[in-house]
Amino acid sequence: MTSLRELAIIIIGRNEARHLSRCILSVLKGSESVPDTQIVYVDSASTDQSVRIASAYPIDILRLKDDWFLSAAAGRYTGFLHTESRYIFFIDGDSVLFRNWLTNGIRFLKAHPEIAGTAGVVHENMLDAEGRIERIRRNRYGQRNPVEETRTLGGIALYRREALLKSGSFHPYIQVDEERELALRIRSQGYALVRILEPMAVTYGPSRETVREILRRYHGHLYTFGRTLRHCQAEGFFTRYLFERLSFITTTIAGFVVVLLATVIAVWSGLWHLILAVGVGLVILFLLLKRNRLHEIGTSLLKRFLMTWRTIQSYFTTRPLAMDTYPRDVIVVRKTGQAGG
């Protein structure tokens, strides 16, 4: 039996030509201290120069086919199937890895066999339409303690392969919040997930709170939490996922119902003129007090509405599929046989 490598690194990306080279270079440097490392780039049918850029580096390259169901989870799932290692690290192609993270993360997992996966401090560089940094968000997950148990890890994380084998890897048919769905399965196996106060990565991408990005994510099916909920329901995690992640649905629906009932009562009681006047006055007062945040309020309401609508829509249109039905005849662009480190 072939002995396992120490580490496999899965880089995923779709049309990440702007950032991919920087990501791969950081991964190559970050894995220098880890002997016997395999690095795989899994491309989700990019239409830009991503594959050509990745080909300039000594890494394996796999490409998902254009007519497959494409998702970040599908890239991670495929990468998982094509690697064999004790530990596996997932990173997105628009990110840069801190040099010492892998050493620190592996050391932590070795010392804590009850922990299935770990992640560290992530900083976000938010870009404008031209790719320039317009805002920096440090410590995205707000870590304060050296070690913090968490319900889920983000897309950039280090896992113990043994835990993924027991719980199942990323579900390729889930488009959004795939990390939380995986975390529910991992936790059901008795494992824990933690964050450690070590710099891990910097991500580059647009702010998620702009109208442009909200609409892009809506049309790109990145608010399909209902699909995730259906898969969680099939696995017995319906209630846990609903309460852990989808509280925005209940609050949005409750707000809509309150407004609707108030309107009906006002019209029925004949007091609608008074209520309308008071309502308009309150709105004007609110806008005067919050005039500098009017845009933020508007985009927040738009995002909440679109997320709720897409979640409900995707829940009723999704038919859960087993992860092992996902195609495996991936396009092997290059297999290097690298040992890394």
C-alpha atoms as a PDB file:
ATOM      1  CA  MET A   1       0.000   0.000   0.000  1.00  0.00           C
ATOM      2  CA  THR A   2       1.341   3.435  -0.969  1.00  0.00           C
ATOM      3  CA  SER A   3       2.056   5.643   2.018  1.00  0.00           C
ATOM      4  CA  LEU A   4       0.106   8.873   2.262  1.00  0.00           C
ATOM      5  CA  ARG A   5       1.664  12.214   1.523  1.00  0.00           C
ATOM      6  CA  GLU A   6       1.830  14.672   4.373  1.00  0.00           C
ATOM      7  CA  LEU A   7      -0.226  17.376   2.674  1.00  0.00           C
ATOM      8  CA  ALA A   8      -2.352  18.093  -0.390  1.00  0.00           C
ATOM      9  CA  ILE A   9      -3.279  21.646  -1.359  1.00  0.00           C
ATOM     10  CA  ILE A  10      -6.345  22.214  -3.514  1.00  0.00           C
ATOM     11  CA  ILE A  11      -6.589  25.573  -5.266  1.00  0.00           C
ATOM     12  CA  ILE A  12      -9.944  26.214  -6.926  1.00  0.00           C
ATOM     13  CA  GLY A  13     -10.853  28.911  -9.399  1.00  0.00           C
ATOM     14  CA  ARG A  14     -13.041  30.109 -12.225  1.00  0.00           C
ATOM     15  CA  ASN A  15     -11.847  33.029 -14.338  1.00  0.00           C
ATOM     16  CA  GLU A  16      -9.278  34.067 -11.734  1.00  0.00           C
ATOM     17  CA  ALA A  17      -6.582  35.195 -14.188  1.00  0.00           C
ATOM     18  CA  ARG A  18      -6.174  38.463 -12.297  1.00  0.00           C
ATOM     19  CA  HIS A  19      -5.231  36.773  -9.005  1.00  0.00           C
ATOM     20  CA  LEU A  20      -4.208  33.178  -9.737  1.00  0.00           C
ATOM     21  CA  SER A  21      -0.474  33.644 -10.220  1.00  0.00           C
ATOM     22  CA  ARG A  22      -0.173  35.445  -6.904  1.00  0.00           C
ATOM     23  CA  CYS A  23      -2.139  32.671  -5.184  1.00  0.00           C
ATOM     24  CA  ILE A  24      -0.040  29.843  -6.616  1.00  0.00           C
ATOM     25  CA  LEU A  25       3.229  31.570  -5.741  1.00  0.00           C
ATOM     26  CA  SER A  26       2.091  32.031  -2.134  1.00  0.00           C
ATOM     27  CA  VAL A  27       1.103  28.359  -1.927  1.00  0.00           C
ATOM     28  CA  LEU A  28       4.456  27.231  -3.336  1.00  0.00           C
ATOM     29  CA  LYS A  29       6.298  29.331  -0.767  1.00  0.00           C
ATOM     30  CA  GLY A  30       3.979  28.353   2.057  1.00  0.00           C
ATOM     31  CA  SER A  31       4.456  24.640   1.415  1.00  0.00           C
ATOM     32  CA  GLU A  32       8.265  24.730   1.267  1.00  0.00           C
ATOM     33  CA  SER A  33       8.489  23.723   4.943  1.00  0.00           C
ATOM     34  CA  VAL A  34       6.080  20.778   4.529  1.00  0.00           C
ATOM     35  CA  PRO A  35       7.773  17.729   3.006  1.00  0.00           C
ATOM     36  CA  ASP A  36       5.913  15.655   0.407  1.00  0.00           C
ATOM     37  CA  THR A  37       3.225  18.134  -0.617  1.00  0.00           C
ATOM     38  CA  GLN A  38       0.994  17.789  -3.651  1.00  0.00           C
ATOM     39  CA  ILE A  39      -0.511  20.961  -5.139  1.00  0.00           C
ATOM     40  CA  VAL A  40      -3.532  20.731  -7.429  1.00  0.00           C
ATOM     41  CA  TYR A  41      -5.329  23.514  -9.258  1.00  0.00           C
ATOM     42  CA  VAL A  42      -8.927  22.615 -10.124  1.00  0.00           C
ATOM     43  CA  ASP A  43     -10.386  24.905 -12.765  1.00  0.00           C
ATOM     44  CA  SER A  44     -14.166  25.295 -13.104  1.00  0.00           C
ATOM     45  CA  ALA A  45     -14.327  25.626 -16.904  1.00  0.00           C
ATOM     46  CA  SER A  46     -12.726  29.071 -17.014  1.00  0.00           C
ATOM     47  CA  THR A  47     -13.074  31.112 -20.182  1.00  0.00           C
ATOM     48  CA  ASP A  48     -10.079  33.331 -19.436  1.00  0.00           C
ATOM     49  CA  GLN A  49      -6.354  32.486 -19.241  1.00  0.00           C
ATOM     50  CA  SER A  50      -6.498  30.763 -15.838  1.00  0.00           C
ATOM     51  CA  VAL A  51      -5.360  27.329 -17.064  1.00  0.00           C
ATOM     52  CA  ARG A  52      -2.533  28.818 -19.104  1.00  0.00           C
ATOM     53  CA  ILE A  53      -1.361  30.822 -16.092  1.00  0.00           C
ATOM     54  CA  ALA A  54      -1.462  27.769 -13.819  1.00  0.00           C
ATOM     55  CA  SER A  55       0.530  25.805 -16.408  1.00  0.00           C
ATOM     56  CA  ALA A  56       3.551  28.020 -15.760  1.00  0.00           C
ATOM     57  CA  TYR A  57       3.995  26.423 -12.317  1.00  0.00           C
ATOM     58  CA  PRO A  58       4.992  22.891 -11.207  1.00  0.00           C
ATOM     59  CA  ILE A  59       1.549  21.835 -10.046  1.00  0.00           C
ATOM     60  CA  ASP A  60      -1.154  19.400 -11.134  1.00  0.00           C
ATOM     61  CA  ILE A  61      -4.030  20.888 -13.140  1.00  0.00           C
ATOM     62  CA  LEU A  62      -7.544  19.464 -13.450  1.00  0.00           C
ATOM     63  CA  ARG A  63     -10.424  21.026 -15.352  1.00  0.00           C
ATOM     64  CA  LEU A  64     -14.130  20.488 -14.793  1.00  0.00           C
ATOM     65  CA  LYS A  65     -16.150  20.188 -17.992  1.00  0.00           C
ATOM     66  CA  ASP A  66     -18.311  23.041 -19.241  1.00  0.00           C
ATOM     67  CA  ASP A  67     -21.594  21.103 -19.089  1.00  0.00           C
ATOM     68  CA  TRP A  68     -21.108  19.838 -15.531  1.00  0.00           C
ATOM     69  CA  PHE A  69     -22.780  21.371 -12.484  1.00  0.00           C
ATOM     70  CA  LEU A  70     -20.156  23.928 -11.488  1.00  0.00           C
ATOM     71  CA  SER A  71     -19.569  25.156  -7.957  1.00  0.00           C
ATOM     72  CA  ALA A  72     -16.725  25.872  -5.574  1.00  0.00           C
ATOM     73  CA  ALA A  73     -17.688  22.681  -3.751  1.00  0.00           C
ATOM     74  CA  ALA A  74     -17.402  20.675  -6.976  1.00  0.00           C
ATOM     75  CA  GLY A  75     -13.829  21.892  -7.405  1.00  0.00           C
ATOM     76  CA  ARG A  76     -12.920  20.943  -3.851  1.00  0.00           C
ATOM     77  CA  TYR A  77     -14.682  17.592  -4.146  1.00  0.00           C
ATOM     78  CA  THR A  78     -12.815  16.750  -7.352  1.00  0.00           C
ATOM     79  CA  GLY A  79      -9.499  17.831  -5.865  1.00  0.00           C
ATOM     80  CA  PHE A  80     -10.135  15.675  -2.820  1.00  0.00           C
ATOM     81  CA  LEU A  81     -10.723  12.615  -5.012  1.00  0.00           C
ATOM     82  CA  HIS A  82      -7.445  13.159  -6.885  1.00  0.00           C
ATOM     83  CA  THR A  83      -5.182  13.470  -3.854  1.00  0.00           C
ATOM     84  CA  GLU A  84      -3.981  11.213  -1.058  1.00  0.00           C
ATOM     85  CA  SER A  85      -2.592  12.851   2.045  1.00  0.00           C
ATOM     86  CA  ARG A  86      -2.933  13.026   5.810  1.00  0.00           C
ATOM     87  CA  TYR A  87      -3.958  16.660   5.686  1.00  0.00           C
ATOM     88  CA  ILE A  88      -5.678  18.628   2.961  1.00  0.00           C
ATOM     89  CA  PHE A  89      -5.767  22.393   2.581  1.00  0.00           C
ATOM     90  CA  PHE A  90      -8.335  24.214   0.449  1.00  0.00           C
ATOM     91  CA  ILE A  91      -7.765  27.725  -0.838  1.00  0.00           C
ATOM     92  CA  ASP A  92      -9.537  29.905  -3.396  1.00  0.00           C
ATOM     93  CA  GLY A  93      -7.687  31.246  -6.414  1.00  0.00           C
ATOM     94  CA  ASP A  94      -8.349  34.866  -5.434  1.00  0.00           C
ATOM     95  CA  SER A  95      -6.438  34.510  -2.153  1.00  0.00           C
ATOM     96  CA  VAL A  96      -2.875  34.777  -0.903  1.00  0.00           C
ATOM     97  CA  LEU A  97      -1.547  32.401   1.748  1.00  0.00           C
ATOM     98  CA  PHE A  98       0.619  33.543   4.646  1.00  0.00           C
ATOM     99  CA  ARG A  99       3.936  31.723   4.561  1.00  0.00           C
ATOM    100  CA  ASN A 100       3.857  30.084   8.021  1.00  0.00           C
ATOM    101  CA  TRP A 101       0.203  29.074   8.115  1.00  0.00           C
ATOM    102  CA  LEU A 102       0.522  25.497   6.902  1.00  0.00           C
ATOM    103  CA  THR A 103       3.274  24.668   9.383  1.00  0.00           C
ATOM    104  CA  ASN A 104       1.261  26.126  12.266  1.00  0.00           C
ATOM    105  CA  GLY A 105      -2.007  24.545  11.152  1.00  0.00           C
ATOM    106  CA  ILE A 106      -0.578  21.049  10.728  1.00  0.00           C
ATOM    107  CA  ARG A 107       1.222  21.278  14.055  1.00  0.00           C
ATOM    108  CA  PHE A 108      -2.061  22.186  15.732  1.00  0.00           C
ATOM    109  CA  LEU A 109      -4.005  19.294  14.166  1.00  0.00           C
ATOM    110  CA  LYS A 110      -1.279  16.825  15.106  1.00  0.00           C
ATOM    111  CA  ALA A 111      -1.552  17.954  18.719  1.00  0.00           C
ATOM    112  CA  HIS A 112      -5.362  17.754  18.759  1.00  0.00           C
ATOM    113  CA  PRO A 113      -6.680  14.535  17.166  1.00  0.00           C
ATOM    114  CA  GLU A 114     -10.262  15.426  18.167  1.00  0.00           C
ATOM    115  CA  ILE A 115     -10.167  18.431  15.822  1.00  0.00           C
ATOM    116  CA  ALA A 116     -11.225  17.749  12.222  1.00  0.00           C
ATOM    117  CA  GLY A 117     -10.217  21.076  10.728  1.00  0.00           C
ATOM    118  CA  THR A 118      -8.802  24.463  11.480  1.00  0.00           C
ATOM    119  CA  ALA A 119      -8.462  27.898   9.954  1.00  0.00           C
ATOM    120  CA  GLY A 120      -6.837  31.156  10.952  1.00  0.00           C
ATOM    121  CA  VAL A 121      -7.120  34.897  10.576  1.00  0.00           C
ATOM    122  CA  VAL A 122      -8.376  36.075   7.187  1.00  0.00           C
ATOM    123  CA  HIS A 123      -8.117  39.641   5.898  1.00  0.00           C
ATOM    124  CA  GLU A 124     -10.237  40.895   2.979  1.00  0.00           C
ATOM    125  CA  ASN A 125      -9.122  43.362   0.331  1.00  0.00           C
ATOM    126  CA  MET A 126     -12.279  44.675  -1.301  1.00  0.00           C
ATOM    127  CA  LEU A 127     -11.825  45.784  -4.898  1.00  0.00           C
ATOM    128  CA  ASP A 128     -13.620  48.253  -7.133  1.00  0.00           C
ATOM    129  CA  ALA A 129     -14.694  47.484 -10.718  1.00  0.00           C
ATOM    130  CA  GLU A 130     -11.157  48.228 -11.984  1.00  0.00           C
ATOM    131  CA  GLY A 131      -9.544  45.855  -9.496  1.00  0.00           C
ATOM    132  CA  ARG A 132      -8.182  48.544  -7.186  1.00  0.00           C
ATOM    133  CA  ILE A 133      -8.344  48.098  -3.416  1.00  0.00           C
ATOM    134  CA  GLU A 134     -11.018  50.413  -2.052  1.00  0.00           C
ATOM    135  CA  ARG A 135     -11.439  48.993   1.436  1.00  0.00           C
ATOM    136  CA  ILE A 136      -9.644  46.559   3.736  1.00  0.00           C
ATOM    137  CA  ARG A 137     -11.436  44.415   6.268  1.00  0.00           C
ATOM    138  CA  ARG A 138      -9.064  42.918   8.800  1.00  0.00           C
ATOM    139  CA  ASN A 139      -9.773  39.769  10.780  1.00  0.00           C
ATOM    140  CA  ARG A 140     -12.952  38.926   8.886  1.00  0.00           C
ATOM    141  CA  TYR A 141     -14.163  36.380  11.438  1.00  0.00           C
ATOM    142  CA  GLY A 142     -13.389  38.570  14.444  1.00  0.00           C
ATOM    143  CA  GLN A 143     -11.092  36.178  16.288  1.00  0.00           C
ATOM    144  CA  ARG A 144      -9.987  37.306  19.727  1.00  0.00           C
ATOM    145  CA  ASN A 145      -8.763  34.176  21.515  1.00  0.00           C
ATOM    146  CA  PRO A 146      -5.802  31.939  20.675  1.00  0.00           C
ATOM    147  CA  VAL A 147      -8.189  29.036  20.005  1.00  0.00           C
ATOM    148  CA  GLU A 148     -11.912  29.396  19.280  1.00  0.00           C
ATOM    149  CA  GLU A 149     -14.289  26.541  18.552  1.00  0.00           C
ATOM    150  CA  THR A 150     -16.587  27.353  15.646  1.00  0.00           C
ATOM    151  CA  ARG A 151     -19.600  25.810  13.970  1.00  0.00           C
ATOM    152  CA  THR A 152     -18.109  26.141  10.510  1.00  0.00           C
ATOM    153  CA  LEU A 153     -14.947  27.099   8.656  1.00  0.00           C
ATOM    154  CA  GLY A 154     -14.780  29.223   5.533  1.00  0.00           C
ATOM    155  CA  GLY A 155     -13.643  28.104   2.106  1.00  0.00           C
ATOM    156  CA  ILE A 156      -9.990  28.469   3.095  1.00  0.00           C
ATOM    157  CA  ALA A 157      -9.218  25.815   5.692  1.00  0.00           C
ATOM    158  CA  LEU A 158      -7.034  22.863   6.643  1.00  0.00           C
ATOM    159  CA  TYR A 159      -8.673  19.481   7.316  1.00  0.00           C
ATOM    160  CA  ARG A 160      -7.667  16.090   8.589  1.00  0.00           C
ATOM    161  CA  ARG A 161      -8.372  13.720   5.677  1.00  0.00           C
ATOM    162  CA  GLU A 162      -9.466  10.970   8.044  1.00  0.00           C
ATOM    163  CA  ALA A 163     -12.336  13.202   9.190  1.00  0.00           C
ATOM    164  CA  LEU A 164     -13.395  13.969   5.623  1.00  0.00           C
ATOM    165  CA  LEU A 165     -13.397  10.287   4.768  1.00  0.00           C
ATOM    166  CA  LYS A 166     -15.739   9.586   7.680  1.00  0.00           C
ATOM    167  CA  SER A 167     -18.108  12.473   7.064  1.00  0.00           C
ATOM    168  CA  GLY A 168     -17.794  12.851   3.301  1.00  0.00           C
ATOM    169  CA  SER A 169     -16.044  15.653   1.476  1.00  0.00           C
ATOM    170  CA  PHE A 170     -17.577  18.850   0.090  1.00  0.00           C
ATOM    171  CA  HIS A 171     -20.908  18.234  -1.617  1.00  0.00           C
ATOM    172  CA  PRO A 172     -20.424  19.090  -5.327  1.00  0.00           C
ATOM    173  CA  TYR A 173     -24.095  19.881  -5.949  1.00  0.00           C
ATOM    174  CA  ILE A 174     -24.228  22.688  -3.371  1.00  0.00           C
ATOM    175  CA  GLN A 175     -23.541  26.190  -4.691  1.00  0.00           C
ATOM    176  CA  VAL A 176     -23.545  28.251  -1.516  1.00  0.00           C
ATOM    177  CA  ASP A 177     -22.682  27.720   2.161  1.00  0.00           C
ATOM    178  CA  GLU A 178     -21.129  24.369   1.317  1.00  0.00           C
ATOM    179  CA  GLU A 179     -18.689  24.797   4.212  1.00  0.00           C
ATOM    180  CA  ARG A 180     -21.507  24.828   6.767  1.00  0.00           C
ATOM    181  CA  GLU A 181     -23.204  21.777   5.263  1.00  0.00           C
ATOM    182  CA  LEU A 182     -19.876  19.913   5.460  1.00  0.00           C
ATOM    183  CA  ALA A 183     -19.377  21.164   9.020  1.00  0.00           C
ATOM    184  CA  LEU A 184     -22.724  19.701  10.095  1.00  0.00           C
ATOM    185  CA  ARG A 185     -21.640  16.285   8.835  1.00  0.00           C
ATOM    186  CA  ILE A 186     -18.219  16.580  10.453  1.00  0.00           C
ATOM    187  CA  ARG A 187     -19.674  17.601  13.809  1.00  0.00           C
ATOM    188  CA  SER A 188     -22.151  14.718  13.653  1.00  0.00           C
ATOM    189  CA  GLN A 189     -19.128  12.395  13.634  1.00  0.00           C
ATOM    190  CA  GLY A 190     -17.983  13.776  16.994  1.00  0.00           C
ATOM    191  CA  TYR A 191     -15.259  16.059  15.670  1.00  0.00           C
ATOM    192  CA  ALA A 192     -14.805  19.753  16.450  1.00  0.00           C
ATOM    193  CA  LEU A 193     -13.744  22.657  14.243  1.00  0.00           C
ATOM    194  CA  VAL A 194     -11.604  25.517  15.530  1.00  0.00           C
ATOM    195  CA  ARG A 195      -9.934  28.740  14.505  1.00  0.00           C
ATOM    196  CA  ILE A 196      -6.503  29.608  15.779  1.00  0.00           C
ATOM    197  CA  LEU A 197      -5.143  33.126  16.113  1.00  0.00           C
ATOM    198  CA  GLU A 198      -2.569  32.788  13.339  1.00  0.00           C
ATOM    199  CA  PRO A 199      -2.497  34.803  10.081  1.00  0.00           C
ATOM    200  CA  MET A 200      -3.757  32.509   7.324  1.00  0.00           C
ATOM    201  CA  ALA A 201      -4.740  34.362   4.164  1.00  0.00           C
ATOM    202  CA  VAL A 202      -5.730  37.566   2.411  1.00  0.00           C
ATOM    203  CA  THR A 203      -8.616  37.459  -0.052  1.00  0.00           C
ATOM    204  CA  TYR A 204      -9.232  39.770  -3.013  1.00  0.00           C
ATOM    205  CA  GLY A 205     -12.723  40.429  -4.302  1.00  0.00           C
ATOM    206  CA  PRO A 206     -15.574  42.910  -4.637  1.00  0.00           C
ATOM    207  CA  SER A 207     -17.510  44.099  -1.616  1.00  0.00           C
ATOM    208  CA  ARG A 208     -20.598  41.953  -1.137  1.00  0.00           C
ATOM    209  CA  GLU A 209     -22.646  44.958  -0.027  1.00  0.00           C
ATOM    210  CA  THR A 210     -22.786  46.887  -3.305  1.00  0.00           C
ATOM    211  CA  VAL A 211     -25.850  46.803  -5.546  1.00  0.00           C
ATOM    212  CA  ARG A 212     -23.687  45.573  -8.423  1.00  0.00           C
ATOM    213  CA  GLU A 213     -22.348  42.618  -6.433  1.00  0.00           C
ATOM    214  CA  ILE A 214     -25.709  41.787  -4.869  1.00  0.00           C
ATOM    215  CA  LEU A 215     -27.303  41.542  -8.313  1.00  0.00           C
ATOM    216  CA  ARG A 216     -24.340  39.549  -9.669  1.00  0.00           C
ATOM    217  CA  ARG A 217     -24.616  37.044  -6.848  1.00  0.00           C
ATOM    218  CA  TYR A 218     -28.386  36.830  -7.274  1.00  0.00           C
ATOM    219  CA  HIS A 219     -28.175  36.109 -11.003  1.00  0.00           C
ATOM    220  CA  GLY A 220     -25.192  33.802 -10.406  1.00  0.00           C
ATOM    221  CA  HIS A 221     -27.296  31.618  -8.063  1.00  0.00           C
ATOM    222  CA  LEU A 222     -25.109  32.479  -5.070  1.00  0.00           C
ATOM    223  CA  TYR A 223     -28.118  33.045  -2.823  1.00  0.00           C
ATOM    224  CA  THR A 224     -29.515  29.544  -3.302  1.00  0.00           C
ATOM    225  CA  PHE A 225     -29.509  28.654   0.389  1.00  0.00           C
ATOM    226  CA  GLY A 226     -32.679  26.659  -0.252  1.00  0.00           C
ATOM    227  CA  ARG A 227     -30.652  24.134  -2.253  1.00  0.00           C
ATOM    228  CA  THR A 228     -28.327  23.737   0.721  1.00  0.00           C
ATOM    229  CA  LEU A 229     -31.321  23.412   3.036  1.00  0.00           C
ATOM    230  CA  ARG A 230     -32.796  20.623   0.887  1.00  0.00           C
ATOM    231  CA  HIS A 231     -29.545  18.660   1.033  1.00  0.00           C
ATOM    232  CA  CYS A 232     -29.342  19.211   4.794  1.00  0.00           C
ATOM    233  CA  GLN A 233     -32.927  17.988   5.072  1.00  0.00           C
ATOM    234  CA  ALA A 234     -32.002  14.807   3.181  1.00  0.00           C
ATOM    235  CA  GLU A 235     -29.133  14.260   5.639  1.00  0.00           C
ATOM    236  CA  GLY A 236     -31.200  14.930   8.756  1.00  0.00           C
ATOM    237  CA  PHE A 237     -29.870  18.425   9.468  1.00  0.00           C
ATOM    238  CA  PHE A 238     -32.871  20.501   8.372  1.00  0.00           C
ATOM    239  CA  THR A 239     -33.605  22.151  11.732  1.00  0.00           C
ATOM    240  CA  ARG A 240     -29.969  22.700  12.653  1.00  0.00           C
ATOM    241  CA  TYR A 241     -29.147  24.385   9.365  1.00  0.00           C
ATOM    242  CA  LEU A 242     -32.346  26.447   9.425  1.00  0.00           C
ATOM    243  CA  PHE A 243     -31.601  27.910  12.846  1.00  0.00           C
ATOM    244  CA  GLU A 244     -27.829  28.242  12.400  1.00  0.00           C
ATOM    245  CA  ARG A 245     -27.893  30.022   9.051  1.00  0.00           C
ATOM    246  CA  LEU A 246     -31.315  31.058   7.782  1.00  0.00           C
ATOM    247  CA  SER A 247     -32.583  33.374  10.498  1.00  0.00           C
ATOM    248  CA  PHE A 248     -32.703  36.159   7.897  1.00  0.00           C
ATOM    249  CA  ILE A 249     -35.629  34.370   6.232  1.00  0.00           C
ATOM    250  CA  THR A 250     -37.786  34.306   9.343  1.00  0.00           C
ATOM    251  CA  THR A 251     -37.073  37.955  10.184  1.00  0.00           C
ATOM    252  CA  THR A 252     -37.758  39.102   6.620  1.00  0.00           C
ATOM    253  CA  ILE A 253     -41.018  37.179   6.379  1.00  0.00           C
ATOM    254  CA  ALA A 254     -42.057  38.347   9.855  1.00  0.00           C
ATOM    255  CA  GLY A 255     -41.398  41.974   8.885  1.00  0.00           C
ATOM    256  CA  PHE A 256     -43.451  41.587   5.716  1.00  0.00           C
ATOM    257  CA  VAL A 257     -46.341  40.001   7.627  1.00  0.00           C
ATOM    258  CA  VAL A 258     -46.327  42.782  10.256  1.00  0.00           C
ATOM    259  CA  VAL A 259     -46.475  45.485   7.587  1.00  0.00           C
ATOM    260  CA  LEU A 260     -49.240  43.640   5.744  1.00  0.00           C
ATOM    261  CA  LEU A 261     -51.313  43.138   8.906  1.00  0.00           C
ATOM    262  CA  ALA A 262     -50.829  46.747   9.973  1.00  0.00           C
ATOM    263  CA  THR A 263     -52.050  47.916   6.586  1.00  0.00           C
ATOM    264  CA  VAL A 264     -55.111  45.660   6.649  1.00  0.00           C
ATOM    265  CA  ILE A 265     -56.014  46.739  10.195  1.00  0.00           C
ATOM    266  CA  ALA A 266     -55.562  50.409   9.330  1.00  0.00           C
ATOM    267  CA  VAL A 267     -57.809  50.198   6.273  1.00  0.00           C
ATOM    268  CA  TRP A 268     -60.411  48.121   8.089  1.00  0.00           C
ATOM    269  CA  SER A 269     -60.557  50.468  11.088  1.00  0.00           C
ATOM    270  CA  GLY A 270     -60.758  53.602   8.981  1.00  0.00           C
ATOM    271  CA  LEU A 271     -57.627  55.046  10.609  1.00  0.00           C
ATOM    272  CA  TRP A 272     -55.428  54.642   7.611  1.00  0.00           C
ATOM    273  CA  HIS A 273     -55.091  58.423   7.072  1.00  0.00           C
ATOM    274  CA  LEU A 274     -53.693  58.887  10.553  1.00  0.00           C
ATOM    275  CA  ILE A 275     -51.459  55.853  10.361  1.00  0.00           C
ATOM    276  CA  LEU A 276     -50.195  56.900   6.929  1.00  0.00           C
ATOM    277  CA  ALA A 277     -49.353  60.380   8.189  1.00  0.00           C
ATOM    278  CA  VAL A 278     -47.540  59.009  11.221  1.00  0.00           C
ATOM    279  CA  GLY A 279     -45.713  56.486   9.033  1.00  0.00           C
ATOM    280  CA  VAL A 280     -44.553  59.130   6.566  1.00  0.00           C
ATOM    281  CA  GLY A 281     -43.395  61.321   9.426  1.00  0.00           C
ATOM    282  CA  LEU A 282     -41.404  58.488  10.970  1.00  0.00           C
ATOM    283  CA  VAL A 283     -39.811  57.649   7.616  1.00  0.00           C
ATOM    284  CA  ILE A 284     -38.799  61.272   7.066  1.00  0.00           C
ATOM    285  CA  LEU A 285     -37.366  61.479  10.576  1.00  0.00           C
ATOM    286  CA  PHE A 286     -35.516  58.228  10.082  1.00  0.00           C
ATOM    287  CA  LEU A 287     -34.009  59.407   6.806  1.00  0.00           C
ATOM    288  CA  LEU A 288     -32.936  62.706   8.336  1.00  0.00           C
ATOM    289  CA  LEU A 289     -31.205  60.897  11.172  1.00  0.00           C
ATOM    290  CA  LYS A 290     -29.688  58.274   8.913  1.00  0.00           C
ATOM    291  CA  ARG A 291     -29.168  60.291   5.730  1.00  0.00           C
ATOM    292  CA  ASN A 292     -25.505  59.359   5.571  1.00  0.00           C
ATOM    293  CA  ARG A 293     -26.404  55.678   5.662  1.00  0.00           C
ATOM    294  CA  LEU A 294     -29.366  55.727   3.305  1.00  0.00           C
ATOM    295  CA  HIS A 295     -27.491  53.843   0.594  1.00  0.00           C
ATOM    296  CA  GLU A 296     -26.356  51.177   3.054  1.00  0.00           C
ATOM    297  CA  ILE A 297     -29.909  50.709   4.307  1.00  0.00           C
ATOM    298  CA  GLY A 298     -31.267  50.407   0.782  1.00  0.00           C
ATOM    299  CA  THR A 299     -28.682  47.841  -0.319  1.00  0.00           C
ATOM    300  CA  SER A 300     -29.184  45.870   2.888  1.00  0.00           C
ATOM    301  CA  LEU A 301     -32.930  45.658   2.295  1.00  0.00           C
ATOM    302  CA  LEU A 302     -32.381  44.706  -1.349  1.00  0.00           C
ATOM    303  CA  LYS A 303     -29.941  41.970  -0.380  1.00  0.00           C
ATOM    304  CA  ARG A 304     -32.220  40.590   2.316  1.00  0.00           C
ATOM    305  CA  PHE A 305     -35.199  40.481  -0.050  1.00  0.00           C
ATOM    306  CA  LEU A 306     -33.278  38.797  -2.886  1.00  0.00           C
ATOM    307  CA  MET A 307     -31.655  36.280  -0.542  1.00  0.00           C
ATOM    308  CA  THR A 308     -35.025  35.370   0.928  1.00  0.00           C
ATOM    309  CA  TRP A 309     -36.712  35.037  -2.445  1.00  0.00           C
ATOM    310  CA  ARG A 310     -33.906  32.953  -3.971  1.00  0.00           C
ATOM    311  CA  THR A 311     -33.744  30.747  -0.878  1.00  0.00           C
ATOM    312  CA  ILE A 312     -37.456  29.951  -0.993  1.00  0.00           C
ATOM    313  CA  GLN A 313     -37.373  29.471  -4.767  1.00  0.00           C
ATOM    314  CA  SER A 314     -34.348  27.148  -4.708  1.00  0.00           C
ATOM    315  CA  TYR A 315     -35.769  25.089  -1.856  1.00  0.00           C
ATOM    316  CA  PHE A 316     -38.857  24.143  -3.842  1.00  0.00           C
ATOM    317  CA  THR A 317     -37.004  23.565  -7.131  1.00  0.00           C
ATOM    318  CA  THR A 318     -34.130  21.438  -5.815  1.00  0.00           C
ATOM    319  CA  ARG A 319     -33.987  17.676  -6.004  1.00  0.00           C
ATOM    320  CA  PRO A 320     -31.113  16.515  -3.762  1.00  0.00           C
ATOM    321  CA  LEU A 321     -28.497  14.370  -5.498  1.00  0.00           C
ATOM    322  CA  ALA A 322     -25.941  12.059  -3.926  1.00  0.00           C
ATOM    323  CA  MET A 323     -22.404  13.395  -4.121  1.00  0.00           C
ATOM    324  CA  ASP A 324     -21.060  10.164  -5.617  1.00  0.00           C
ATOM    325  CA  THR A 325     -23.193  10.760  -8.729  1.00  0.00           C
ATOM    326  CA  TYR A 326     -21.023  13.735  -9.667  1.00  0.00           C
ATOM    327  CA  PRO A 327     -18.964  13.029 -12.823  1.00  0.00           C
ATOM    328  CA  ARG A 328     -15.413  11.792 -12.273  1.00  0.00           C
ATOM    329  CA  ASP A 329     -13.998  11.868 -15.791  1.00  0.00           C
ATOM    330  CA  VAL A 330     -12.341  15.221 -15.111  1.00  0.00           C
ATOM    331  CA  ILE A 331     -10.021  16.678 -17.736  1.00  0.00           C
ATOM    332  CA  VAL A 332      -6.430  16.084 -16.586  1.00  0.00           C
ATOM    333  CA  VAL A 333      -4.524  19.021 -18.033  1.00  0.00           C
ATOM    334  CA  ARG A 334      -1.322  18.024 -16.313  1.00  0.00           C
ATOM    335  CA  LYS A 335      -0.203  15.445 -13.762  1.00  0.00           C
ATOM    336  CA  THR A 336       3.285  16.255 -12.530  1.00  0.00           C
ATOM    337  CA  GLY A 337       3.941  13.512  -9.981  1.00  0.00           C
ATOM    338  CA  GLN A 338       5.351  16.326  -7.815  1.00  0.00           C
ATOM    339  CA  ALA A 339       6.544  15.724  -4.316  1.00  0.00           C
ATOM    340  CA  GLY A 340       6.774  19.354  -3.275  1.00  0.00           C
ATOM    341  CA  GLY A 341       8.314  20.714  -0.101  1.00  0.00           C
END
